[in-house]
């Protein structure tokens, strides 16, 4: 069984670079699930949520992905409460560009003035002077992409953002953004069951960008190939799909999230699962 031991932590997955000057371990954490139901409001137990975040760092995870819309605000507030002053090597990436009218509701807002306000709010909640990776959460069909990106470029020029990333984008949108400013990362939905962003993974590998798959662990039921490979390795199915992501491309930085210490420890255990080339190919065909 690929379980966590004193020797098993995120560092075993190796490292990855953002923009050539920001290095983190290649298994991160997504901080969306430390909020309430519907990614809305406080979690059922704030102290438990903070305990999860502290355990994240103990397990060698030094890249945490969050957003102002998670809660909203709650995820960022909990990160600061649990971890500030931050470990020197910890990178907290956040996002702006979605507003939350209610539980499970997400509305794009790419107006420059909103993005500036969102970034300033994240800086304050996270108690940071600079956000090392700030991601545009989703292009807004009502706002030209160059106007939205222009706001982030100005924030970068002011030193409030170190690197710019994109989320929920097409290749055409990536190319449009790259004509305006360096883009170091793409965050799209991607997992064993949903590979609609396959070409985006390849693009990131070709152009030295980091690919952050959201929803990396989904739809595990009824995948007999996955079940067989998990049984062969003495691992959980969750661990195998994370190991598959690590093996799929050196540009992938998985960011599984959870509100449970047990699930967190199990996820980190994925770094001990060594899939063969045949395993990777079988899962890719499944």
C-alpha atoms as a PDB file:
ATOM      1  CA  UNK A   1       0.000   0.000   0.000  1.00  0.00           C
ATOM      2  CA  UNK A   2       1.341   3.444  -0.941  1.00  0.00           C
ATOM      3  CA  UNK A   3       0.912   4.999   2.469  1.00  0.00           C
ATOM      4  CA  UNK A   4       2.570   8.013   4.025  1.00  0.00           C
ATOM      5  CA  UNK A   5       5.652   7.268   6.101  1.00  0.00           C
ATOM      6  CA  UNK A   6       8.259   9.507   7.660  1.00  0.00           C
ATOM      7  CA  UNK A   7      10.139   9.250   4.363  1.00  0.00           C
ATOM      8  CA  UNK A   8       7.138   9.919   2.091  1.00  0.00           C
ATOM      9  CA  UNK A   9       6.314  13.507   1.324  1.00  0.00           C
ATOM     10  CA  UNK A  10       5.624  15.727  -1.652  1.00  0.00           C
ATOM     11  CA  UNK A  11       9.340  16.239  -2.265  1.00  0.00           C
ATOM     12  CA  UNK A  12       9.546  12.657  -3.550  1.00  0.00           C
ATOM     13  CA  UNK A  13       7.622  13.777  -6.645  1.00  0.00           C
ATOM     14  CA  UNK A  14      10.524  16.022  -7.690  1.00  0.00           C
ATOM     15  CA  UNK A  15      10.284  19.727  -8.446  1.00  0.00           C
ATOM     16  CA  UNK A  16       8.856  22.002 -11.114  1.00  0.00           C
ATOM     17  CA  UNK A  17       9.548  25.623 -12.086  1.00  0.00           C
ATOM     18  CA  UNK A  18       7.246  28.553 -12.792  1.00  0.00           C
ATOM     19  CA  UNK A  19       8.832  31.052 -15.130  1.00  0.00           C
ATOM     20  CA  UNK A  20      12.294  29.636 -14.532  1.00  0.00           C
ATOM     21  CA  UNK A  21      12.688  31.310 -11.135  1.00  0.00           C
ATOM     22  CA  UNK A  22      10.038  29.817  -8.831  1.00  0.00           C
ATOM     23  CA  UNK A  23      10.596  26.190  -7.829  1.00  0.00           C
ATOM     24  CA  UNK A  24       8.154  24.012  -5.868  1.00  0.00           C
ATOM     25  CA  UNK A  25       7.624  20.332  -5.153  1.00  0.00           C
ATOM     26  CA  UNK A  26       5.619  18.624  -7.860  1.00  0.00           C
ATOM     27  CA  UNK A  27       2.610  17.677  -5.764  1.00  0.00           C
ATOM     28  CA  UNK A  28       0.544  20.614  -4.581  1.00  0.00           C
ATOM     29  CA  UNK A  29      -2.692  21.218  -2.711  1.00  0.00           C
ATOM     30  CA  UNK A  30      -5.936  22.806  -3.841  1.00  0.00           C
ATOM     31  CA  UNK A  31      -7.531  24.799  -1.029  1.00  0.00           C
ATOM     32  CA  UNK A  32     -11.083  24.970  -2.412  1.00  0.00           C
ATOM     33  CA  UNK A  33     -12.466  22.183  -0.207  1.00  0.00           C
ATOM     34  CA  UNK A  34     -11.575  23.770   3.129  1.00  0.00           C
ATOM     35  CA  UNK A  35     -14.695  25.958   2.742  1.00  0.00           C
ATOM     36  CA  UNK A  36     -18.365  25.161   3.341  1.00  0.00           C
ATOM     37  CA  UNK A  37     -20.826  23.170   1.259  1.00  0.00           C
ATOM     38  CA  UNK A  38     -21.128  24.500  -2.275  1.00  0.00           C
ATOM     39  CA  UNK A  39     -17.710  26.173  -1.783  1.00  0.00           C
ATOM     40  CA  UNK A  40     -19.675  28.737   0.196  1.00  0.00           C
ATOM     41  CA  UNK A  41     -19.102  30.126   3.671  1.00  0.00           C
ATOM     42  CA  UNK A  42     -17.137  28.642   6.528  1.00  0.00           C
ATOM     43  CA  UNK A  43     -16.262  24.957   6.767  1.00  0.00           C
ATOM     44  CA  UNK A  44     -18.141  22.940   9.406  1.00  0.00           C
ATOM     45  CA  UNK A  45     -15.080  23.182  11.687  1.00  0.00           C
ATOM     46  CA  UNK A  46     -12.613  26.015  11.099  1.00  0.00           C
ATOM     47  CA  UNK A  47     -10.034  24.529  13.466  1.00  0.00           C
ATOM     48  CA  UNK A  48     -10.146  21.234  11.610  1.00  0.00           C
ATOM     49  CA  UNK A  49      -9.691  23.070   8.306  1.00  0.00           C
ATOM     50  CA  UNK A  50      -6.647  24.867   9.690  1.00  0.00           C
ATOM     51  CA  UNK A  51      -5.260  21.559  10.954  1.00  0.00           C
ATOM     52  CA  UNK A  52      -5.514  20.198   7.399  1.00  0.00           C
ATOM     53  CA  UNK A  53      -3.602  23.198   6.057  1.00  0.00           C
ATOM     54  CA  UNK A  54      -0.855  22.808   8.657  1.00  0.00           C
ATOM     55  CA  UNK A  55      -0.575  19.116   7.781  1.00  0.00           C
ATOM     56  CA  UNK A  56      -0.211  20.066   4.105  1.00  0.00           C
ATOM     57  CA  UNK A  57       3.039  21.866   4.895  1.00  0.00           C
ATOM     58  CA  UNK A  58       4.243  19.099   7.219  1.00  0.00           C
ATOM     59  CA  UNK A  59       3.957  16.648   4.321  1.00  0.00           C
ATOM     60  CA  UNK A  60       6.324  18.660   2.167  1.00  0.00           C
ATOM     61  CA  UNK A  61       3.713  20.362   0.014  1.00  0.00           C
ATOM     62  CA  UNK A  62       4.977  23.866  -0.745  1.00  0.00           C
ATOM     63  CA  UNK A  63       2.526  24.909  -3.468  1.00  0.00           C
ATOM     64  CA  UNK A  64      -1.044  25.770  -2.469  1.00  0.00           C
ATOM     65  CA  UNK A  65      -3.664  26.886  -4.984  1.00  0.00           C
ATOM     66  CA  UNK A  66      -6.608  28.994  -3.858  1.00  0.00           C
ATOM     67  CA  UNK A  67      -8.886  31.807  -5.118  1.00  0.00           C
ATOM     68  CA  UNK A  68     -10.771  34.784  -3.763  1.00  0.00           C
ATOM     69  CA  UNK A  69     -13.994  33.080  -4.896  1.00  0.00           C
ATOM     70  CA  UNK A  70     -13.510  30.062  -2.615  1.00  0.00           C
ATOM     71  CA  UNK A  71     -15.908  30.934   0.167  1.00  0.00           C
ATOM     72  CA  UNK A  72     -15.717  33.668  -1.082  1.00  0.00           C
ATOM     73  CA  UNK A  73     -12.628  34.878   0.830  1.00  0.00           C
ATOM     74  CA  UNK A  74     -12.782  32.000   3.340  1.00  0.00           C
ATOM     75  CA  UNK A  75     -10.019  29.842   1.851  1.00  0.00           C
ATOM     76  CA  UNK A  76      -7.549  32.727   1.759  1.00  0.00           C
ATOM     77  CA  UNK A  77      -8.437  33.795   5.297  1.00  0.00           C
ATOM     78  CA  UNK A  78      -7.907  30.264   6.630  1.00  0.00           C
ATOM     79  CA  UNK A  79      -4.542  29.975   4.893  1.00  0.00           C
ATOM     80  CA  UNK A  80      -3.309  33.101   6.636  1.00  0.00           C
ATOM     81  CA  UNK A  81      -4.751  32.047  10.000  1.00  0.00           C
ATOM     82  CA  UNK A  82      -3.190  28.592   9.782  1.00  0.00           C
ATOM     83  CA  UNK A  83       0.173  29.283   8.177  1.00  0.00           C
ATOM     84  CA  UNK A  84       1.220  32.932   8.496  1.00  0.00           C
ATOM     85  CA  UNK A  85       4.080  33.719   8.921  1.00  0.00           C
ATOM     86  CA  UNK A  86       4.626  31.383   6.001  1.00  0.00           C
ATOM     87  CA  UNK A  87       7.497  28.927   5.538  1.00  0.00           C
ATOM     88  CA  UNK A  88      10.134  30.506   3.328  1.00  0.00           C
ATOM     89  CA  UNK A  89       9.630  28.013   0.498  1.00  0.00           C
ATOM     90  CA  UNK A  90       5.808  28.085   0.483  1.00  0.00           C
ATOM     91  CA  UNK A  91       4.124  29.443  -2.663  1.00  0.00           C
ATOM     92  CA  UNK A  92       0.464  30.408  -2.361  1.00  0.00           C
ATOM     93  CA  UNK A  93      -1.095  30.939  -5.773  1.00  0.00           C
ATOM     94  CA  UNK A  94      -4.482  32.574  -5.992  1.00  0.00           C
ATOM     95  CA  UNK A  95      -6.972  33.568  -8.658  1.00  0.00           C
ATOM     96  CA  UNK A  96      -9.413  36.346  -9.491  1.00  0.00           C
ATOM     97  CA  UNK A  97     -12.141  36.816 -12.063  1.00  0.00           C
ATOM     98  CA  UNK A  98     -15.166  34.996 -10.662  1.00  0.00           C
ATOM     99  CA  UNK A  99     -17.834  36.355  -8.323  1.00  0.00           C
ATOM    100  CA  UNK A 100     -20.148  34.283  -6.147  1.00  0.00           C
ATOM    101  CA  UNK A 101     -23.844  35.133  -5.946  1.00  0.00           C
ATOM    102  CA  UNK A 102     -24.503  31.930  -3.957  1.00  0.00           C
ATOM    103  CA  UNK A 103     -23.479  28.319  -3.250  1.00  0.00           C
ATOM    104  CA  UNK A 104     -22.240  26.466  -6.343  1.00  0.00           C
ATOM    105  CA  UNK A 105     -22.742  29.587  -8.474  1.00  0.00           C
ATOM    106  CA  UNK A 106     -19.825  31.097 -10.389  1.00  0.00           C
ATOM    107  CA  UNK A 107     -20.114  34.225 -12.531  1.00  0.00           C
ATOM    108  CA  UNK A 108     -17.211  35.601 -14.613  1.00  0.00           C
ATOM    109  CA  UNK A 109     -16.156  39.192 -13.946  1.00  0.00           C
ATOM    110  CA  UNK A 110     -13.126  40.202 -15.981  1.00  0.00           C
ATOM    111  CA  UNK A 111     -13.521  43.951 -15.672  1.00  0.00           C
ATOM    112  CA  UNK A 112     -10.143  45.544 -14.969  1.00  0.00           C
ATOM    113  CA  UNK A 113     -11.465  47.379 -11.935  1.00  0.00           C
ATOM    114  CA  UNK A 114     -12.799  44.131 -10.471  1.00  0.00           C
ATOM    115  CA  UNK A 115      -9.515  42.305 -11.016  1.00  0.00           C
ATOM    116  CA  UNK A 116      -7.572  45.074  -9.303  1.00  0.00           C
ATOM    117  CA  UNK A 117      -9.976  44.990  -6.362  1.00  0.00           C
ATOM    118  CA  UNK A 118      -9.788  41.177  -6.246  1.00  0.00           C
ATOM    119  CA  UNK A 119      -5.995  41.148  -6.227  1.00  0.00           C
ATOM    120  CA  UNK A 120      -5.792  43.841  -3.553  1.00  0.00           C
ATOM    121  CA  UNK A 121      -8.246  41.859  -1.431  1.00  0.00           C
ATOM    122  CA  UNK A 122      -6.223  38.664  -1.821  1.00  0.00           C
ATOM    123  CA  UNK A 123      -3.023  40.436  -0.817  1.00  0.00           C
ATOM    124  CA  UNK A 124      -4.708  41.725   2.325  1.00  0.00           C
ATOM    125  CA  UNK A 125      -6.358  38.426   3.310  1.00  0.00           C
ATOM    126  CA  UNK A 126      -3.209  36.388   2.639  1.00  0.00           C
ATOM    127  CA  UNK A 127      -1.016  38.975   4.391  1.00  0.00           C
ATOM    128  CA  UNK A 128       1.326  39.155   1.427  1.00  0.00           C
ATOM    129  CA  UNK A 129       3.117  42.018  -0.272  1.00  0.00           C
ATOM    130  CA  UNK A 130       3.344  40.063  -3.535  1.00  0.00           C
ATOM    131  CA  UNK A 131       1.384  37.120  -4.958  1.00  0.00           C
ATOM    132  CA  UNK A 132       3.913  34.849  -6.616  1.00  0.00           C
ATOM    133  CA  UNK A 133       1.400  33.347  -9.058  1.00  0.00           C
ATOM    134  CA  UNK A 134      -1.845  35.169  -9.822  1.00  0.00           C
ATOM    135  CA  UNK A 135      -4.210  33.410 -12.197  1.00  0.00           C
ATOM    136  CA  UNK A 136      -7.057  34.870 -14.245  1.00  0.00           C
ATOM    137  CA  UNK A 137      -9.797  32.498 -13.103  1.00  0.00           C
ATOM    138  CA  UNK A 138     -11.925  32.506 -16.258  1.00  0.00           C
ATOM    139  CA  UNK A 139     -12.181  34.777 -19.297  1.00  0.00           C
ATOM    140  CA  UNK A 140     -15.292  36.940 -19.242  1.00  0.00           C
ATOM    141  CA  UNK A 141     -17.214  36.881 -22.550  1.00  0.00           C
ATOM    142  CA  UNK A 142     -18.389  40.429 -21.811  1.00  0.00           C
ATOM    143  CA  UNK A 143     -14.862  41.850 -21.469  1.00  0.00           C
ATOM    144  CA  UNK A 144     -12.087  41.712 -24.103  1.00  0.00           C
ATOM    145  CA  UNK A 145      -9.272  39.476 -22.885  1.00  0.00           C
ATOM    146  CA  UNK A 146      -6.674  42.175 -23.488  1.00  0.00           C
ATOM    147  CA  UNK A 147      -8.515  44.507 -21.100  1.00  0.00           C
ATOM    148  CA  UNK A 148      -8.600  41.887 -18.330  1.00  0.00           C
ATOM    149  CA  UNK A 149      -4.963  40.945 -18.863  1.00  0.00           C
ATOM    150  CA  UNK A 150      -4.016  44.614 -18.964  1.00  0.00           C
ATOM    151  CA  UNK A 151      -5.086  44.959 -15.342  1.00  0.00           C
ATOM    152  CA  UNK A 152      -2.900  42.012 -14.310  1.00  0.00           C
ATOM    153  CA  UNK A 153       0.039  43.361 -16.289  1.00  0.00           C
ATOM    154  CA  UNK A 154      -0.219  46.681 -14.448  1.00  0.00           C
ATOM    155  CA  UNK A 155      -0.391  44.858 -11.101  1.00  0.00           C
ATOM    156  CA  UNK A 156       2.728  42.935 -12.101  1.00  0.00           C
ATOM    157  CA  UNK A 157       4.506  46.168 -13.019  1.00  0.00           C
ATOM    158  CA  UNK A 158       3.593  47.492  -9.563  1.00  0.00           C
ATOM    159  CA  UNK A 159       5.224  44.451  -7.944  1.00  0.00           C
ATOM    160  CA  UNK A 160       1.970  43.058  -6.565  1.00  0.00           C
ATOM    161  CA  UNK A 161       2.118  39.989  -8.843  1.00  0.00           C
ATOM    162  CA  UNK A 162       5.259  38.031  -9.697  1.00  0.00           C
ATOM    163  CA  UNK A 163       3.901  35.689 -12.385  1.00  0.00           C
ATOM    164  CA  UNK A 164       0.629  35.526 -14.353  1.00  0.00           C
ATOM    165  CA  UNK A 165      -1.273  32.314 -15.081  1.00  0.00           C
ATOM    166  CA  UNK A 166      -4.542  31.502 -16.848  1.00  0.00           C
ATOM    167  CA  UNK A 167      -7.400  29.178 -15.942  1.00  0.00           C
ATOM    168  CA  UNK A 168     -10.246  27.658 -17.956  1.00  0.00           C
ATOM    169  CA  UNK A 169      -8.863  28.797 -21.302  1.00  0.00           C
ATOM    170  CA  UNK A 170      -8.554  27.638 -24.884  1.00  0.00           C
ATOM    171  CA  UNK A 171      -5.323  27.539 -26.864  1.00  0.00           C
ATOM    172  CA  UNK A 172      -6.470  30.584 -28.845  1.00  0.00           C
ATOM    173  CA  UNK A 173      -6.897  32.527 -25.602  1.00  0.00           C
ATOM    174  CA  UNK A 174      -3.469  31.410 -24.418  1.00  0.00           C
ATOM    175  CA  UNK A 175      -1.904  32.655 -27.650  1.00  0.00           C
ATOM    176  CA  UNK A 176      -3.725  35.952 -27.340  1.00  0.00           C
ATOM    177  CA  UNK A 177      -2.498  36.370 -23.773  1.00  0.00           C
ATOM    178  CA  UNK A 178       1.081  35.410 -24.658  1.00  0.00           C
ATOM    179  CA  UNK A 179       1.170  38.245 -27.163  1.00  0.00           C
ATOM    180  CA  UNK A 180       0.605  40.613 -24.247  1.00  0.00           C
ATOM    181  CA  UNK A 181       2.663  39.162 -21.380  1.00  0.00           C
ATOM    182  CA  UNK A 182       4.549  36.010 -20.336  1.00  0.00           C
ATOM    183  CA  UNK A 183       2.181  33.255 -19.142  1.00  0.00           C
ATOM    184  CA  UNK A 184       3.743  30.683 -16.808  1.00  0.00           C
ATOM    185  CA  UNK A 185       0.842  28.330 -16.095  1.00  0.00           C
ATOM    186  CA  UNK A 186      -2.492  26.982 -17.310  1.00  0.00           C
ATOM    187  CA  UNK A 187      -5.148  25.570 -14.988  1.00  0.00           C
ATOM    188  CA  UNK A 188      -7.862  23.593 -16.774  1.00  0.00           C
ATOM    189  CA  UNK A 189     -10.004  20.600 -15.851  1.00  0.00           C
ATOM    190  CA  UNK A 190      -8.085  17.387 -16.581  1.00  0.00           C
ATOM    191  CA  UNK A 191      -8.090  13.854 -15.191  1.00  0.00           C
ATOM    192  CA  UNK A 192      -8.064  10.207 -16.294  1.00  0.00           C
ATOM    193  CA  UNK A 193     -11.749  10.415 -17.216  1.00  0.00           C
ATOM    194  CA  UNK A 194     -11.794  13.912 -18.781  1.00  0.00           C
ATOM    195  CA  UNK A 195      -8.966  14.697 -21.158  1.00  0.00           C
ATOM    196  CA  UNK A 196     -10.517  17.562 -23.062  1.00  0.00           C
ATOM    197  CA  UNK A 197      -7.398  19.609 -22.305  1.00  0.00           C
ATOM    198  CA  UNK A 198      -4.958  17.023 -23.659  1.00  0.00           C
ATOM    199  CA  UNK A 199      -3.569  19.484 -26.204  1.00  0.00           C
ATOM    200  CA  UNK A 200      -3.083  22.073 -23.461  1.00  0.00           C
ATOM    201  CA  UNK A 201      -0.908  19.643 -21.491  1.00  0.00           C
ATOM    202  CA  UNK A 202       1.235  19.172 -24.585  1.00  0.00           C
ATOM    203  CA  UNK A 203       1.398  22.928 -25.146  1.00  0.00           C
ATOM    204  CA  UNK A 204       2.618  23.493 -21.595  1.00  0.00           C
ATOM    205  CA  UNK A 205       5.293  20.835 -22.037  1.00  0.00           C
ATOM    206  CA  UNK A 206       6.458  22.351 -25.323  1.00  0.00           C
ATOM    207  CA  UNK A 207       6.598  25.912 -24.001  1.00  0.00           C
ATOM    208  CA  UNK A 208       7.858  25.356 -20.438  1.00  0.00           C
ATOM    209  CA  UNK A 209       4.591  26.311 -18.771  1.00  0.00           C
ATOM    210  CA  UNK A 210       3.129  24.483 -15.773  1.00  0.00           C
ATOM    211  CA  UNK A 211      -0.181  22.670 -16.211  1.00  0.00           C
ATOM    212  CA  UNK A 212      -2.357  22.613 -13.082  1.00  0.00           C
ATOM    213  CA  UNK A 213      -5.192  20.088 -13.519  1.00  0.00           C
ATOM    214  CA  UNK A 214      -8.281  20.966 -11.543  1.00  0.00           C
ATOM    215  CA  UNK A 215     -10.636  18.148 -10.543  1.00  0.00           C
ATOM    216  CA  UNK A 216      -7.702  15.695 -10.764  1.00  0.00           C
ATOM    217  CA  UNK A 217      -9.604  12.973  -8.891  1.00  0.00           C
ATOM    218  CA  UNK A 218     -13.053  12.369 -10.388  1.00  0.00           C
ATOM    219  CA  UNK A 219     -15.275   9.635 -11.781  1.00  0.00           C
ATOM    220  CA  UNK A 220     -13.342   6.679 -10.349  1.00  0.00           C
ATOM    221  CA  UNK A 221     -16.300   4.296 -10.297  1.00  0.00           C
ATOM    222  CA  UNK A 222     -16.657   1.568 -12.911  1.00  0.00           C
ATOM    223  CA  UNK A 223     -13.097   2.003 -14.239  1.00  0.00           C
ATOM    224  CA  UNK A 224     -11.993  -1.611 -14.167  1.00  0.00           C
ATOM    225  CA  UNK A 225      -8.522  -0.832 -15.551  1.00  0.00           C
ATOM    226  CA  UNK A 226      -7.950   1.641 -12.734  1.00  0.00           C
ATOM    227  CA  UNK A 227      -9.160  -0.850 -10.138  1.00  0.00           C
ATOM    228  CA  UNK A 228      -6.850  -3.551 -11.489  1.00  0.00           C
ATOM    229  CA  UNK A 229      -3.792  -1.276 -11.500  1.00  0.00           C
ATOM    230  CA  UNK A 230      -4.551  -0.049  -7.983  1.00  0.00           C
ATOM    231  CA  UNK A 231      -4.817  -3.639  -6.735  1.00  0.00           C
ATOM    232  CA  UNK A 232      -1.543  -4.581  -8.444  1.00  0.00           C
ATOM    233  CA  UNK A 233       0.316  -1.741  -6.713  1.00  0.00           C
ATOM    234  CA  UNK A 234      -1.423  -2.112  -3.361  1.00  0.00           C
ATOM    235  CA  UNK A 235      -2.555   1.502  -3.711  1.00  0.00           C
ATOM    236  CA  UNK A 236      -5.871   3.316  -3.649  1.00  0.00           C
ATOM    237  CA  UNK A 237      -7.541   4.386  -6.877  1.00  0.00           C
ATOM    238  CA  UNK A 238      -7.094   8.021  -5.820  1.00  0.00           C
ATOM    239  CA  UNK A 239      -3.358   7.465  -5.497  1.00  0.00           C
ATOM    240  CA  UNK A 240      -3.143   5.802  -8.900  1.00  0.00           C
ATOM    241  CA  UNK A 241      -4.893   8.610 -10.785  1.00  0.00           C
ATOM    242  CA  UNK A 242      -2.550  11.127  -9.146  1.00  0.00           C
ATOM    243  CA  UNK A 243       0.448   8.958 -10.019  1.00  0.00           C
ATOM    244  CA  UNK A 244      -0.861   8.830 -13.601  1.00  0.00           C
ATOM    245  CA  UNK A 245      -0.919  12.628 -13.751  1.00  0.00           C
ATOM    246  CA  UNK A 246       2.668  12.786 -12.495  1.00  0.00           C
ATOM    247  CA  UNK A 247       3.691  10.263 -15.146  1.00  0.00           C
ATOM    248  CA  UNK A 248       1.629  11.809 -17.963  1.00  0.00           C
ATOM    249  CA  UNK A 249       3.854  14.869 -18.381  1.00  0.00           C
ATOM    250  CA  UNK A 250       6.703  16.541 -16.468  1.00  0.00           C
ATOM    251  CA  UNK A 251       4.775  19.800 -16.873  1.00  0.00           C
ATOM    252  CA  UNK A 252       1.848  18.614 -14.734  1.00  0.00           C
ATOM    253  CA  UNK A 253       1.609  19.772 -11.116  1.00  0.00           C
ATOM    254  CA  UNK A 254      -1.362  17.960  -9.518  1.00  0.00           C
ATOM    255  CA  UNK A 255      -3.251  19.988  -6.908  1.00  0.00           C
ATOM    256  CA  UNK A 256      -5.686  17.573  -5.208  1.00  0.00           C
ATOM    257  CA  UNK A 257      -7.775  19.186  -2.513  1.00  0.00           C
ATOM    258  CA  UNK A 258      -9.620  17.910   0.525  1.00  0.00           C
ATOM    259  CA  UNK A 259     -10.937  18.947   3.907  1.00  0.00           C
ATOM    260  CA  UNK A 260      -9.778  15.677   5.489  1.00  0.00           C
ATOM    261  CA  UNK A 261      -6.343  14.931   6.942  1.00  0.00           C
ATOM    262  CA  UNK A 262      -6.825  11.260   6.077  1.00  0.00           C
ATOM    263  CA  UNK A 263      -7.531  12.007   2.423  1.00  0.00           C
ATOM    264  CA  UNK A 264      -4.637  14.468   2.350  1.00  0.00           C
ATOM    265  CA  UNK A 265      -2.186  11.887   3.648  1.00  0.00           C
ATOM    266  CA  UNK A 266      -3.501   9.338   1.177  1.00  0.00           C
ATOM    267  CA  UNK A 267      -3.097  11.782  -1.692  1.00  0.00           C
ATOM    268  CA  UNK A 268       0.511  12.511  -0.765  1.00  0.00           C
ATOM    269  CA  UNK A 269       1.068   8.762  -0.690  1.00  0.00           C
ATOM    270  CA  UNK A 270       0.616   8.848  -4.477  1.00  0.00           C
ATOM    271  CA  UNK A 271       4.264   9.917  -4.812  1.00  0.00           C
ATOM    272  CA  UNK A 272       5.264   6.399  -3.724  1.00  0.00           C
ATOM    273  CA  UNK A 273       3.268   4.731  -6.522  1.00  0.00           C
ATOM    274  CA  UNK A 274       5.597   3.902  -9.410  1.00  0.00           C
ATOM    275  CA  UNK A 275       3.506   3.158 -12.484  1.00  0.00           C
ATOM    276  CA  UNK A 276       5.049   1.274 -15.376  1.00  0.00           C
ATOM    277  CA  UNK A 277       4.876   2.583 -18.932  1.00  0.00           C
ATOM    278  CA  UNK A 278       2.288  -0.125 -19.562  1.00  0.00           C
ATOM    279  CA  UNK A 279       0.182   1.108 -16.615  1.00  0.00           C
ATOM    280  CA  UNK A 280       0.294   4.681 -17.902  1.00  0.00           C
ATOM    281  CA  UNK A 281      -0.678   3.584 -21.415  1.00  0.00           C
ATOM    282  CA  UNK A 282      -3.529   1.403 -20.129  1.00  0.00           C
ATOM    283  CA  UNK A 283      -4.964   4.243 -18.066  1.00  0.00           C
ATOM    284  CA  UNK A 284      -4.621   6.617 -20.993  1.00  0.00           C
ATOM    285  CA  UNK A 285      -6.749   4.259 -23.085  1.00  0.00           C
ATOM    286  CA  UNK A 286      -9.291   3.502 -20.357  1.00  0.00           C
END
